[in-house]
Structures are given as structure tokens and as C-alpha cells.
Amino acid sequence: MLNKITELKDNLQWKLLFILSTGYMGAFINIQGIQALMPFIQDDFGISRTEAGLYSTFLFLSATAVAVFSGNIVDKIGSKKTLLFGVFSIGFLMLANTISPVYSIILILAFITGIGFSIITPAVNKSIMDEVSPENRGISMGLMHSGSGIGGFAGATLLPILAGSLGWRGAILISSLLTIFLGIFIKKAYHPEQILTNNNDNSDTNFKDNILGLLKNKQLMLACSLGLIFGLAVGSIPAHYTLFLTSDLGYSSALAGFALGIVQIGGIVGRTFWGWVSDSIFKGDRTISFILIMIIIILLNLCYGLFGDFLASSIFIILTISFLLGLTAFGWSGLYFTVVGERASPEQTGIASGLSLVFLRTGVVVGPPLFGLLADHYDHYHNSWLVLAGIIFVSGTIYYYLQNQEDKKAPGHE
């Protein structure tokens, strides 16, 4: 273990990883931060829980629409230009939120912001693939992506505190200016080596053939289906978590934002933890790893749905559940994209990742308004948690059965 740590310290390109991670930080400070500010925005505009959940829907609707094509754009114009486009667009669009007179304009801005948000992931991924040696790409990718969790934690915990004295517009003003500053830093500090160039294989015909080929890959489609289910949790939890803690459990906005930040920390830990569990404990058995994650998510949802009012008396228990929610509902993503890569051919890894994002973000788009609709109907979130638990249980059971059937057909089985 000590030798591995020393090797990483000596060999990893820390400067590159830091620069790239700042792009994620800037994006998620705003994306998660504005969701943590939903109690303030709800009071300002007098919107319902369902309308509050629409913010995530509008954001990820556009991000989903361009997911398959974003990698192709990055390949054509380079990682630096696309990363800068993503960071600056988020910064300036968030700045525009501070002068929005009605909530409908905020939703329109969220839709446009999703386009810039979608381009960041393929841009930083391409940078890692182009500039990091193969033996260090896995750990480098994980460390670089941790910027999203760090930014999400900062946005979820600090912006509600700032909003308490400056208002939600003042908090967003600070976060948007910080993101613009980070964009300037990336522009000055990032000097990528342009290794990969355009090739003629990315024609429209081949693009369509690749998509059709991936859709016929049953193993890959099973993995993508998990993205749809997990996306429901990934979208619903950050969109409604602070509202659940404030309106149902009676916590302050600042404490609710802190709890959402703890969810983000759990996600940071989970990205590495579940990869280690799958590789070391389950010896590469991804199916068991996913089922374990889903079981824990179901149990946590049942805790909130059935015993939320009782558990609210203990801040420690709520923060513990928050961490475990992040560890599972957010921490599975690294394992998910690993499986997607394993089930696609090397030359189709990029487009397979884009296709998997479509499934994932579809869940993110659908989840928040449905979660909020149930809460509005019953005037509490208890049934929202129970329904989400039921969906994950049924989906997990179907996935386990179908995956076992596919495994039996695999060469070398029995």
C-alpha cells in the first residue's frame, strides 16, 4: 500500500489533474448550489415542489439531448476550447439568474446551461486519455472527477449560508463570478498536447452504424438500463433533499444544505470505494456489486419513507443517512462507466459512454418532477421515498434475472 502511494505521488500529473478538476468544481458549485438554494427560490417565487423539481429536468433535458454528440464535438475542436466553453457558459448563465424576474426565465436558463454542462465531461475525459499514460489513466480519471464532488459539496454547504445574509441572488452572484475566474485560470494554465486529430471514420454513416450496433449489444443495454434507474435517484435526491429536510423534518436551510454537502462527500468516497469492492472483494463481479448498492439505497429510502419523522430527532442519524445516500446513490457512477467501457469494443468506448449518458440523464430528467409531484399530492415526501424504493427494487430484481440469463449464454460458462 505504501509503495503504491509513493508511486502515485511520483508518477501522476498533478498539475494537469488540478487544472482539469477545477472545471468540474466550477460547474458543480453552481449546479448543486442552486439546487441547495431551492427553499430560498421557492419562497421568492411562490413555486410548488413540482415546479422546484423542474429545474433539474430542464437542465438535464438539454444535457441529455446532446450527450451522444458532445464527444464528437470535442474531437473536432479540441479539449481546451470545449472545456472553456462549458465553464464560461455555466458562469455567465448563472450570472443571468441573478436578474431573473420570474421563475420561468430561470428554467429557460437551466435548459441552456445544460448544453455547456454536457460538454465538460467529454472534454476532461479526452484530456486524460490523450495526455496520461495508460497505466495511470484509471486513478487519474477518478481523481479528476472528484472535482465534481468537491464542487458539489462546496455549493451545497456554502451557498445556503451566503443566501442567509445576501439572499439567493447574492449567493449565485458569488458562485458565478468564481466560475468565470476558474475559466480564466484554465485558459491561462492549461496547455494541452494535441495528440489525437480528426479522422474520416467519424462519418454520419459510421456514426449511425455504431449506434445500431450498440443497441444490439444486450450486455451493454443491461448496463445502460441501470443508468436509467440510478438516474432517478441521482436526479431526485439533490433536487428535493433540502426541501425534504426543511419542509418535512423542520431543519434550517443552512443545516439542510450541509446535509446535502455530506451527500456529496459520500459520493466522492463511493466512486473509489465501490470500484475497490467490485475488484477486490467480489473479484470483478459487477452484478453483485450493483445489487448490493441497490439494496442499500432501498433500505435508506425506506428509512426516510417510514421513519423520517422519528429519525429527524437525531441530527447524527440524518447526517449518517446522508453520507450513505451519497456513498450509494452517487458513488456508483465510476463503476457504471467502467462496466460500460468493458461491454463495448475499444473503438466504441466514446460513443458508448455518450449512449449510457442518455439513459442516465433520462432518469435524472424524469425523476425530480415525479418525486415532487407525489410530495405535492400528499403534502409530504414520505411516499416519494417509498415509491422510489419500490421502483429500484423491481428494477433490481429484473436486472439480476436478465443479467444471469446473459451470463449463462456467455462463452466458457459451465
Protein backbone atom coordinates (compact mmCIF):
# COMPACT_ATOMS: atom_id res chain seq x y z
CA MET A 1 0.00 0.00 0.00
CA LEU A 2 2.80 2.44 0.93
CA ASN A 3 4.67 1.59 -2.27
CA LYS A 4 1.51 2.27 -4.30
CA ILE A 5 1.01 5.65 -2.64
CA THR A 6 4.64 6.58 -3.30
CA GLU A 7 4.29 5.50 -6.94
CA LEU A 8 1.19 7.63 -7.40
CA LYS A 9 2.85 10.62 -5.76
CA ASP A 10 5.81 10.41 -8.12
CA ASN A 11 4.11 9.48 -11.39
CA LEU A 12 0.75 11.27 -11.53
CA GLN A 13 0.46 14.54 -13.43
CA TRP A 14 -0.89 16.52 -10.50
CA LYS A 15 -0.83 19.89 -12.24
CA LEU A 16 -2.93 18.59 -15.14
CA LEU A 17 -5.36 16.87 -12.78
CA PHE A 18 -5.78 20.01 -10.70
CA ILE A 19 -6.43 22.20 -13.73
CA LEU A 20 -8.99 19.81 -15.19
CA SER A 21 -10.73 19.25 -11.86
CA THR A 22 -11.30 23.00 -11.48
CA GLY A 23 -13.62 22.81 -14.50
CA TYR A 24 -15.75 20.27 -12.67
CA MET A 25 -15.57 22.28 -9.47
CA GLY A 26 -16.84 25.42 -11.16
CA ALA A 27 -19.70 23.54 -12.81
CA PHE A 28 -20.91 21.70 -9.72
CA ILE A 29 -20.57 24.62 -7.32
CA ASN A 30 -23.36 26.17 -9.37
CA ILE A 31 -25.35 23.08 -10.40
CA GLN A 32 -25.59 21.62 -6.90
CA GLY A 33 -25.52 25.04 -5.25
CA ILE A 34 -28.63 26.37 -6.96
CA GLN A 35 -30.49 23.17 -6.05
CA ALA A 36 -29.49 23.67 -2.41
CA LEU A 37 -30.94 27.18 -2.71
CA MET A 38 -34.37 25.89 -3.80
CA PRO A 39 -36.00 26.69 -0.41
CA PHE A 40 -34.99 30.35 -0.92
CA ILE A 41 -36.07 30.35 -4.56
CA GLN A 42 -39.35 28.65 -3.65
CA ASP A 43 -40.13 31.36 -1.09
CA ASP A 44 -39.16 34.14 -3.52
CA PHE A 45 -41.32 32.98 -6.43
CA GLY A 46 -44.00 31.03 -4.53
CA ILE A 47 -43.48 27.86 -6.57
CA SER A 48 -44.59 24.31 -5.73
CA ARG A 49 -42.35 21.30 -5.04
CA THR A 50 -43.09 20.00 -8.53
CA GLU A 51 -42.01 23.30 -10.10
CA ALA A 52 -38.85 23.28 -7.99
CA GLY A 53 -38.03 19.82 -9.32
CA LEU A 54 -38.37 21.09 -12.89
CA TYR A 55 -35.04 22.92 -12.59
CA SER A 56 -33.11 19.63 -12.74
CA THR A 57 -35.42 18.42 -15.50
CA PHE A 58 -34.75 21.43 -17.74
CA LEU A 59 -31.01 21.31 -17.05
CA PHE A 60 -30.60 17.62 -17.85
CA LEU A 61 -33.10 17.65 -20.72
CA SER A 62 -30.69 19.61 -22.90
CA ALA A 63 -27.67 17.80 -21.45
CA THR A 64 -29.28 14.50 -22.45
CA ALA A 65 -30.18 15.70 -25.95
CA VAL A 66 -26.53 16.44 -26.84
CA ALA A 67 -24.86 13.63 -24.86
CA VAL A 68 -24.18 11.32 -27.81
CA PHE A 69 -22.77 14.15 -29.94
CA SER A 70 -20.68 16.00 -27.34
CA GLY A 71 -17.69 13.67 -27.65
CA ASN A 72 -17.63 14.17 -31.41
CA ILE A 73 -17.55 17.95 -30.94
CA VAL A 74 -14.65 17.64 -28.51
CA ASP A 75 -12.71 15.52 -31.03
CA LYS A 76 -13.21 18.15 -33.73
CA ILE A 77 -12.24 21.35 -31.92
CA GLY A 78 -10.14 20.10 -29.00
CA SER A 79 -10.47 19.59 -25.27
CA LYS A 80 -9.33 23.05 -24.17
CA LYS A 81 -11.80 25.02 -26.28
CA THR A 82 -14.75 22.83 -25.34
CA LEU A 83 -13.81 22.82 -21.65
CA LEU A 84 -13.61 26.61 -21.69
CA PHE A 85 -16.95 26.83 -23.49
CA GLY A 86 -18.56 24.68 -20.81
CA VAL A 87 -17.08 26.55 -17.85
CA PHE A 88 -17.67 30.07 -19.19
CA SER A 89 -21.21 29.29 -20.37
CA ILE A 90 -22.17 27.99 -16.91
CA GLY A 91 -20.58 31.02 -15.24
CA PHE A 92 -22.32 33.64 -17.38
CA LEU A 93 -25.68 31.85 -17.50
CA MET A 94 -25.68 31.52 -13.72
CA LEU A 95 -24.87 35.22 -13.54
CA ALA A 96 -28.02 35.86 -15.60
CA ASN A 97 -30.08 34.07 -12.93
CA THR A 98 -29.38 36.90 -10.51
CA ILE A 99 -31.56 39.30 -12.54
CA SER A 100 -34.35 36.85 -13.45
CA PRO A 101 -37.73 38.42 -12.58
CA VAL A 102 -39.76 35.20 -12.89
CA TYR A 103 -39.09 31.51 -12.32
CA SER A 104 -39.85 30.60 -15.94
CA ILE A 105 -36.74 32.51 -17.06
CA ILE A 106 -34.65 30.52 -14.58
CA LEU A 107 -35.95 27.32 -16.19
CA ILE A 108 -35.02 28.60 -19.66
CA LEU A 109 -31.53 29.45 -18.39
CA ALA A 110 -31.31 25.96 -16.87
CA PHE A 111 -32.06 24.42 -20.27
CA ILE A 112 -29.30 26.44 -21.96
CA THR A 113 -26.90 25.74 -19.10
CA GLY A 114 -27.34 22.01 -19.68
CA ILE A 115 -25.63 22.32 -23.08
CA GLY A 116 -22.49 23.79 -21.54
CA PHE A 117 -22.64 21.31 -18.68
CA SER A 118 -22.83 18.36 -21.07
CA ILE A 119 -19.61 19.26 -22.89
CA ILE A 120 -17.42 19.33 -19.77
CA THR A 121 -17.29 15.56 -19.14
CA PRO A 122 -16.11 14.50 -22.63
CA ALA A 123 -13.64 17.41 -22.67
CA VAL A 124 -11.87 16.42 -19.48
CA ASN A 125 -12.10 12.71 -20.30
CA LYS A 126 -10.41 13.32 -23.65
CA SER A 127 -7.65 15.24 -21.92
CA ILE A 128 -6.92 12.32 -19.62
CA MET A 129 -6.96 9.82 -22.48
CA ASP A 130 -4.68 11.99 -24.62
CA GLU A 131 -2.15 13.15 -22.05
CA VAL A 132 -1.91 10.50 -19.33
CA SER A 133 -0.04 7.21 -19.75
CA PRO A 134 -2.26 4.10 -19.86
CA GLU A 135 -1.05 2.72 -16.53
CA ASN A 136 -2.17 5.89 -14.72
CA ARG A 137 -5.42 6.66 -16.53
CA GLY A 138 -7.77 4.90 -14.11
CA ILE A 139 -6.61 6.62 -10.94
CA SER A 140 -6.15 9.90 -12.81
CA MET A 141 -9.72 9.76 -14.08
CA GLY A 142 -11.03 9.09 -10.59
CA LEU A 143 -9.03 11.90 -9.01
CA MET A 144 -10.00 14.36 -11.74
CA HIS A 145 -13.70 13.51 -11.45
CA SER A 146 -13.52 14.09 -7.70
CA GLY A 147 -13.66 17.78 -8.58
CA SER A 148 -17.40 17.35 -9.19
CA GLY A 149 -17.96 16.09 -5.67
CA ILE A 150 -15.78 18.79 -4.12
CA GLY A 151 -17.58 21.48 -6.10
CA GLY A 152 -20.96 19.97 -5.26
CA PHE A 153 -20.12 19.89 -1.57
CA ALA A 154 -18.92 23.50 -1.60
CA GLY A 155 -22.02 24.69 -3.46
CA ALA A 156 -24.47 22.74 -1.30
CA THR A 157 -22.96 23.83 2.02
CA LEU A 158 -21.70 27.37 1.40
CA LEU A 159 -24.34 28.90 -0.87
CA PRO A 160 -27.25 28.46 1.58
CA ILE A 161 -25.10 30.10 4.28
CA LEU A 162 -24.35 33.01 1.95
CA ALA A 163 -28.02 33.20 0.96
CA GLY A 164 -28.92 33.66 4.62
CA SER A 165 -27.27 37.08 4.60
CA LEU A 166 -27.04 38.00 0.90
CA GLY A 167 -30.16 36.32 -0.48
CA TRP A 168 -30.10 33.56 -3.08
CA ARG A 169 -29.26 36.03 -5.85
CA GLY A 170 -26.22 37.26 -3.95
CA ALA A 171 -25.05 33.68 -3.35
CA ILE A 172 -25.38 32.82 -7.06
CA LEU A 173 -23.57 36.05 -7.97
CA ILE A 174 -20.53 34.93 -5.97
CA SER A 175 -20.56 31.37 -7.34
CA SER A 176 -20.95 32.51 -10.95
CA LEU A 177 -18.09 35.01 -10.68
CA LEU A 178 -15.93 32.31 -9.11
CA THR A 179 -16.67 30.02 -12.07
CA ILE A 180 -15.76 32.74 -14.55
CA PHE A 181 -12.50 33.25 -12.64
CA LEU A 182 -11.79 29.49 -12.84
CA GLY A 183 -12.41 29.65 -16.59
CA ILE A 184 -9.78 32.39 -16.89
CA PHE A 185 -7.39 30.27 -14.80
CA ILE A 186 -7.90 27.25 -17.10
CA LYS A 187 -7.37 29.42 -20.17
CA LYS A 188 -4.04 30.66 -18.83
CA ALA A 189 -2.75 27.48 -17.19
CA TYR A 190 -3.92 24.68 -19.47
CA HIS A 191 -1.71 23.91 -22.47
CA PRO A 192 -2.81 20.53 -23.82
CA GLU A 193 -0.82 18.38 -26.16
CA GLN A 194 -2.96 17.95 -29.25
CA ILE A 195 -2.27 14.29 -29.93
CA LEU A 196 -5.46 13.00 -31.45
CA THR A 197 -6.75 14.54 -34.64
CA ASN A 198 -9.91 14.20 -36.65
CA ASN A 199 -10.33 11.08 -38.70
CA ASN A 200 -12.62 10.20 -41.52
CA ASP A 201 -14.10 7.27 -39.66
CA ASN A 202 -16.50 9.58 -37.84
CA SER A 203 -18.82 9.92 -40.79
CA ASP A 204 -22.56 10.10 -40.37
CA THR A 205 -22.95 6.58 -41.80
CA ASN A 206 -20.47 5.03 -39.39
CA PHE A 207 -21.97 7.02 -36.53
CA LYS A 208 -25.41 5.54 -37.25
CA ASP A 209 -24.00 2.05 -37.70
CA ASN A 210 -22.18 2.31 -34.38
CA ILE A 211 -25.35 3.34 -32.60
CA LEU A 212 -27.30 0.44 -34.11
CA GLY A 213 -24.52 -1.96 -33.17
CA LEU A 214 -24.51 -0.74 -29.58
CA LEU A 215 -28.28 -1.05 -29.31
CA LYS A 216 -27.94 -4.73 -30.31
CA ASN A 217 -25.35 -5.31 -27.57
CA LYS A 218 -27.56 -6.86 -24.86
CA GLN A 219 -24.87 -6.75 -22.19
CA LEU A 220 -24.32 -3.05 -22.81
CA MET A 221 -28.05 -2.31 -22.85
CA LEU A 222 -28.43 -4.04 -19.48
CA ALA A 223 -25.70 -1.80 -18.10
CA CYS A 224 -27.35 1.28 -19.62
CA SER A 225 -30.67 0.30 -18.07
CA LEU A 226 -29.02 0.62 -14.68
CA GLY A 227 -28.13 4.19 -15.60
CA LEU A 228 -31.82 4.93 -16.13
CA ILE A 229 -32.74 3.56 -12.70
CA PHE A 230 -29.83 5.11 -10.84
CA GLY A 231 -30.54 8.37 -12.66
CA LEU A 232 -33.92 8.55 -10.92
CA ALA A 233 -32.11 8.64 -7.58
CA VAL A 234 -29.32 10.93 -8.76
CA GLY A 235 -31.87 13.47 -10.01
CA SER A 236 -34.46 13.22 -7.26
CA ILE A 237 -32.19 13.37 -4.22
CA PRO A 238 -30.27 16.62 -4.85
CA ALA A 239 -33.34 18.31 -6.36
CA HIS A 240 -35.54 17.67 -3.32
CA TYR A 241 -33.25 16.81 -0.42
CA THR A 242 -33.06 20.28 1.11
CA LEU A 243 -36.81 20.77 0.64
CA PHE A 244 -37.48 17.41 2.34
CA LEU A 245 -35.28 18.28 5.31
CA THR A 246 -36.74 21.79 5.72
CA SER A 247 -40.43 21.24 4.95
CA ASP A 248 -40.93 17.70 6.29
CA LEU A 249 -38.33 17.37 9.04
CA GLY A 250 -38.13 21.01 10.14
CA TYR A 251 -34.41 21.60 9.69
CA SER A 252 -32.97 25.01 8.88
CA SER A 253 -31.94 25.81 5.31
CA ALA A 254 -28.28 26.01 6.34
CA LEU A 255 -28.34 22.60 8.04
CA ALA A 256 -30.25 21.09 5.11
CA GLY A 257 -27.61 22.43 2.74
CA PHE A 258 -24.89 20.97 4.95
CA ALA A 259 -26.63 17.57 4.80
CA LEU A 260 -26.70 17.78 1.01
CA GLY A 261 -22.98 18.54 1.19
CA ILE A 262 -22.50 15.36 3.22
CA VAL A 263 -24.30 13.51 0.43
CA GLN A 264 -21.66 14.89 -1.94
CA ILE A 265 -18.83 13.73 0.31
CA GLY A 266 -20.35 10.26 0.34
CA GLY A 267 -20.37 10.35 -3.45
CA ILE A 268 -16.67 11.27 -3.56
CA VAL A 269 -15.80 8.34 -1.30
CA GLY A 270 -18.17 5.98 -3.11
CA ARG A 271 -16.58 6.44 -6.54
CA THR A 272 -13.39 4.83 -5.26
CA PHE A 273 -14.98 2.54 -2.66
CA TRP A 274 -17.30 0.62 -4.97
CA GLY A 275 -14.58 0.12 -7.56
CA TRP A 276 -12.41 -1.41 -4.84
CA VAL A 277 -15.29 -3.58 -3.57
CA SER A 278 -16.04 -4.86 -7.07
CA ASP A 279 -12.40 -5.55 -7.97
CA SER A 280 -11.08 -6.86 -4.64
CA ILE A 281 -13.96 -8.36 -2.67
CA PHE A 282 -16.24 -9.59 -5.47
CA LYS A 283 -13.33 -10.37 -7.82
CA GLY A 284 -14.73 -8.35 -10.72
CA ASP A 285 -18.34 -9.49 -10.32
CA ARG A 286 -20.09 -6.24 -11.26
CA THR A 287 -23.62 -7.68 -10.94
CA ILE A 288 -23.28 -8.43 -7.22
CA SER A 289 -21.76 -5.00 -6.65
CA PHE A 290 -24.70 -3.26 -8.32
CA ILE A 291 -27.26 -5.35 -6.45
CA LEU A 292 -25.60 -4.53 -3.11
CA ILE A 293 -25.69 -0.82 -3.96
CA MET A 294 -29.36 -1.03 -4.88
CA ILE A 295 -30.25 -2.91 -1.67
CA ILE A 296 -28.61 -0.21 0.44
CA ILE A 297 -30.40 2.57 -1.47
CA ILE A 298 -33.74 0.76 -0.97
CA LEU A 299 -33.16 0.42 2.78
CA LEU A 300 -32.22 4.09 3.12
CA ASN A 301 -35.30 5.18 1.16
CA LEU A 302 -37.47 3.00 3.37
CA CYS A 303 -35.93 4.63 6.45
CA TYR A 304 -36.97 8.08 5.25
CA GLY A 305 -40.33 6.94 3.92
CA LEU A 306 -41.39 5.01 7.02
CA PHE A 307 -39.41 6.55 9.89
CA GLY A 308 -38.40 10.01 8.66
CA ASP A 309 -40.25 11.92 11.39
CA PHE A 310 -38.80 9.69 14.11
CA LEU A 311 -35.25 9.87 12.75
CA ALA A 312 -35.45 13.68 12.49
CA SER A 313 -34.83 13.97 16.24
CA SER A 314 -31.19 12.97 15.70
CA ILE A 315 -29.02 15.16 13.52
CA PHE A 316 -26.30 12.50 13.70
CA ILE A 317 -28.60 9.85 12.19
CA ILE A 318 -29.74 12.21 9.41
CA LEU A 319 -26.14 13.08 8.52
CA THR A 320 -25.20 9.38 8.59
CA ILE A 321 -28.05 8.54 6.21
CA SER A 322 -26.98 11.49 4.05
CA PHE A 323 -23.46 10.08 3.79
CA LEU A 324 -24.73 6.59 2.97
CA LEU A 325 -27.09 8.01 0.33
CA GLY A 326 -24.14 9.73 -1.30
CA LEU A 327 -21.96 6.62 -0.98
CA THR A 328 -24.54 4.57 -2.90
CA ALA A 329 -26.86 6.80 -4.93
CA PHE A 330 -23.94 8.98 -6.13
CA GLY A 331 -20.95 6.66 -5.66
CA TRP A 332 -21.94 4.04 -8.23
CA SER A 333 -21.09 6.21 -11.25
CA GLY A 334 -17.43 5.21 -11.54
CA LEU A 335 -18.35 1.52 -11.50
CA TYR A 336 -21.14 2.20 -14.01
CA PHE A 337 -18.86 3.80 -16.59
CA THR A 338 -16.28 1.07 -16.01
CA VAL A 339 -18.87 -1.57 -16.94
CA VAL A 340 -19.98 0.44 -19.98
CA GLY A 341 -16.37 0.53 -21.17
CA GLU A 342 -15.92 -3.20 -20.54
CA ARG A 343 -19.01 -4.11 -22.55
CA ALA A 344 -18.17 -2.01 -25.60
CA SER A 345 -15.33 -2.55 -28.05
CA PRO A 346 -12.32 -0.22 -27.61
CA GLU A 347 -13.16 1.76 -30.75
CA GLN A 348 -16.70 2.35 -29.50
CA THR A 349 -15.89 3.43 -25.94
CA GLY A 350 -16.62 7.11 -26.53
CA ILE A 351 -19.94 6.71 -28.27
CA ALA A 352 -20.96 4.01 -25.77
CA SER A 353 -20.27 6.45 -22.96
CA GLY A 354 -22.46 9.02 -24.69
CA LEU A 355 -25.26 6.48 -25.13
CA SER A 356 -25.02 5.48 -21.46
CA LEU A 357 -25.33 9.15 -20.50
CA VAL A 358 -28.60 9.34 -22.43
CA PHE A 359 -30.05 6.59 -20.23
CA LEU A 360 -28.60 8.09 -17.07
CA ARG A 361 -29.79 11.62 -17.78
CA THR A 362 -33.23 10.42 -18.84
CA GLY A 363 -33.64 9.17 -15.29
CA VAL A 364 -32.34 12.48 -13.98
CA VAL A 365 -34.87 14.36 -16.12
CA VAL A 366 -37.88 12.21 -15.19
CA GLY A 367 -37.14 11.66 -11.50
CA PRO A 368 -37.34 15.13 -9.89
CA PRO A 369 -40.80 16.20 -11.14
CA LEU A 370 -42.34 12.81 -10.32
CA PHE A 371 -40.73 12.83 -6.87
CA GLY A 372 -42.07 16.35 -6.32
CA LEU A 373 -45.50 15.55 -7.79
CA LEU A 374 -46.04 12.83 -5.20
CA ALA A 375 -44.89 15.19 -2.45
CA ASP A 376 -47.31 17.89 -3.60
CA HIS A 377 -50.20 15.41 -3.78
CA TYR A 378 -49.67 14.06 -0.25
CA ASP A 379 -48.16 17.29 1.16
CA HIS A 380 -45.08 15.37 2.34
CA TYR A 381 -42.18 13.40 0.86
CA HIS A 382 -42.74 10.08 2.67
CA ASN A 383 -44.49 8.37 -0.23
CA SER A 384 -41.96 9.78 -2.69
CA TRP A 385 -39.19 7.86 -0.90
CA LEU A 386 -41.32 4.70 -0.76
CA VAL A 387 -42.18 4.78 -4.47
CA LEU A 388 -38.53 5.33 -5.40
CA ALA A 389 -37.57 2.35 -3.22
CA GLY A 390 -40.22 0.23 -4.95
CA ILE A 391 -39.01 1.19 -8.43
CA ILE A 392 -35.42 0.34 -7.56
CA PHE A 393 -36.47 -2.99 -6.00
CA VAL A 394 -38.47 -4.10 -9.03
CA SER A 395 -35.79 -2.89 -11.45
CA GLY A 396 -33.01 -4.55 -9.47
CA THR A 397 -34.86 -7.86 -9.46
CA ILE A 398 -35.40 -7.72 -13.23
CA TYR A 399 -31.80 -6.70 -13.85
CA TYR A 400 -30.44 -9.55 -11.71
CA TYR A 401 -32.56 -12.11 -13.56
CA LEU A 402 -31.74 -10.85 -17.06
CA GLN A 403 -28.04 -10.46 -16.30
CA ASN A 404 -27.85 -14.05 -15.02
CA GLN A 405 -29.55 -15.22 -18.22
CA GLU A 406 -26.98 -13.35 -20.32
CA ASP A 407 -24.11 -14.67 -18.22
CA LYS A 408 -25.26 -18.25 -18.86
CA LYS A 409 -25.04 -17.60 -22.61
CA ALA A 410 -21.51 -16.25 -22.35
CA PRO A 411 -18.68 -18.40 -23.78
CA GLY A 412 -16.99 -20.54 -21.15
CA HIS A 413 -19.97 -20.70 -18.78
CA GLU A 414 -20.33 -24.18 -17.31
